[in-house]
Protein backbone atom coordinates (compact mmCIF):
# COMPACT_ATOMS: atom_id res chain seq x y z
CA MET A 1 0.04 0.29 0.05
CA SER A 2 1.42 3.47 -0.80
CA SER A 3 1.15 6.20 1.64
CA GLN A 4 0.43 9.65 -0.29
CA LYS A 5 2.82 12.44 0.90
CA ILE A 6 2.59 15.77 1.03
CA ALA A 7 4.92 18.38 1.28
CA VAL A 8 4.71 21.57 3.59
CA LEU A 9 5.99 24.97 2.74
CA SER A 10 5.99 27.50 5.64
CA PRO A 11 7.06 31.26 4.61
CA ASP A 12 7.59 31.98 8.41
CA ALA A 13 10.30 29.92 8.14
CA PRO A 14 13.26 29.86 6.91
CA ALA A 15 13.34 28.35 3.05
CA PRO A 16 14.67 24.44 2.45
CA SER A 17 17.82 23.86 -0.11
CA ASN A 18 16.15 22.40 -3.11
CA LEU A 19 17.20 19.12 -1.98
CA MET A 20 14.79 18.58 1.00
CA SER A 21 11.19 19.35 1.90
CA GLN A 22 10.70 22.14 5.81
CA ALA A 23 8.13 19.01 6.48
CA VAL A 24 6.13 15.98 4.96
CA ILE A 25 2.81 14.66 5.86
CA CYS A 26 2.36 10.73 5.72
CA ASN A 27 -0.10 8.82 7.56
CA GLY A 28 -1.04 11.52 9.89
CA MET A 29 2.00 12.26 11.24
CA ILE A 30 4.35 15.49 10.06
CA TYR A 31 8.17 14.94 9.90
CA CYS A 32 10.02 18.54 10.08
CA SER A 33 13.74 19.01 8.38
CA GLY A 34 16.49 20.06 11.07
CA SER A 35 15.67 23.25 12.11
CA ARG A 36 18.96 26.41 13.47
CA GLY A 37 18.25 29.27 15.25
CA ILE A 38 17.89 31.32 11.79
CA ASP A 39 15.68 34.77 11.35
CA PRO A 40 13.34 33.47 8.13
CA LYS A 41 13.34 37.43 7.19
CA THR A 42 17.29 37.75 7.09
CA GLY A 43 18.58 34.33 6.47
CA LYS A 44 21.27 35.25 9.76
CA PHE A 45 21.27 33.60 12.67
CA VAL A 46 19.39 35.45 16.05
CA ASP A 47 21.65 36.62 18.47
CA GLY A 48 22.76 35.27 21.53
CA ASN A 49 23.86 32.38 22.79
CA ALA A 50 22.77 28.50 22.03
CA SER A 51 19.49 28.85 24.36
CA ASP A 52 18.79 31.95 21.96
CA ARG A 53 18.67 30.03 18.43
CA THR A 54 16.81 27.39 20.50
CA MET A 55 14.27 29.66 21.87
CA SER A 56 13.67 33.05 22.61
CA ASP A 57 11.13 35.97 23.10
CA THR A 58 11.95 36.92 19.43
CA GLY A 59 10.52 34.06 17.98
CA VAL A 60 12.29 33.45 15.17
CA GLN A 61 14.91 31.11 16.60
CA ALA A 62 14.79 26.28 16.08
CA LEU A 63 11.75 25.62 18.15
CA ARG A 64 10.43 28.78 16.80
CA ASN A 65 10.51 27.76 12.65
CA LEU A 66 9.72 24.91 13.75
CA GLU A 67 6.48 25.97 15.76
CA ASN A 68 5.70 27.88 12.25
CA THR A 69 6.20 24.42 9.99
CA LEU A 70 4.23 22.80 12.41
CA LYS A 71 0.99 25.38 12.17
CA LYS A 72 1.20 25.18 8.18
CA GLY A 73 0.94 21.49 8.44
CA GLY A 74 -1.61 21.74 10.80
CA SER A 75 -0.17 20.70 13.45
CA HIS A 76 1.21 22.19 16.81
CA LEU A 77 3.79 21.81 18.70
CA SER A 78 1.84 20.43 21.50
CA GLN A 79 1.69 17.36 18.96
CA VAL A 80 5.21 16.38 18.84
CA VAL A 81 5.90 13.47 19.75
CA LYS A 82 9.64 13.09 19.17
CA VAL A 83 12.57 15.75 19.02
CA ASN A 84 15.52 14.66 17.92
CA ASN A 85 18.60 17.54 19.21
CA PHE A 86 21.76 18.05 17.64
CA VAL A 87 24.77 20.61 19.67
CA SER A 88 28.26 21.01 17.69
CA SER A 89 29.60 20.29 21.66
CA MET A 90 27.93 18.90 24.89
CA GLU A 91 28.93 22.66 26.47
CA TYR A 92 25.54 23.80 24.85
CA TYR A 93 23.38 20.89 26.41
CA GLY A 94 22.27 22.91 29.11
CA GLN A 95 22.26 25.78 26.88
CA VAL A 96 19.33 24.35 25.16
CA ASN A 97 17.90 22.61 27.50
CA GLU A 98 16.95 26.13 29.22
CA GLY A 99 15.24 26.91 25.58
CA TYR A 100 13.95 23.72 25.31
CA GLY A 101 12.55 23.56 28.47
CA GLN A 102 10.23 27.09 28.22
CA ILE A 103 8.35 25.12 25.43
CA PHE A 104 7.44 21.82 26.49
CA THR A 105 6.12 22.86 29.64
CA GLN A 106 2.45 21.24 29.53
CA GLY A 107 1.39 17.61 29.06
CA VAL A 108 3.16 14.24 27.72
CA LYS A 109 6.46 15.76 26.88
CA PRO A 110 7.91 14.27 23.63
CA CYS A 111 10.27 11.58 23.64
CA ARG A 112 13.71 13.44 22.87
CA THR A 113 17.59 12.62 22.22
CA CYS A 114 19.93 15.07 22.40
CA VAL A 115 23.77 14.14 20.21
CA ALA A 116 27.12 16.01 20.12
CA VAL A 117 28.17 15.72 16.55
CA ALA A 118 31.70 16.86 14.74
CA SER A 119 29.82 20.20 13.14
CA LEU A 120 26.47 21.01 12.18
CA PRO A 121 25.63 23.91 9.18
CA LEU A 122 26.49 27.14 9.08
CA ASP A 123 28.77 26.37 12.05
CA ALA A 124 25.69 26.24 14.15
CA GLU A 125 25.64 25.22 18.11
CA VAL A 126 22.29 23.63 17.60
CA GLU A 127 19.70 21.80 15.35
CA ILE A 128 16.49 20.37 16.02
CA GLU A 129 13.79 18.02 14.14
CA CYS A 130 10.87 16.76 15.45
CA ILE A 131 8.21 14.50 14.43
CA ALA A 132 4.28 15.20 15.45
CA SER A 133 1.09 14.20 14.98
CA VAL A 134 -1.03 15.79 12.69
């Protein structure tokens, strides 16, 4: 049986490269590509540290970008079931948790993985991807 895949593209999140989709809806789930703390209007990182780029009041960082993509796909951060955090050094783990903890405060928390990697695109400190129900 073949499942239909639907691409999601939000103008309120950084545009993806031509190699991927921002997100794909399939079988009642939305799979979001990795998001970094980039302002979708300027294409540049928001000021600050890894916490600010994970979540900040400006609404233009990694989790806000994912939130906008999820909304465009008919979902929301409250429907996230799995989060993968990638950090360029475990020294950013605490900072990422500061920002992350401000978003996922209610109900059942998503499953989560945090992995330190050798480097991330554009020398980012953090990249976050998620899967949510639609």
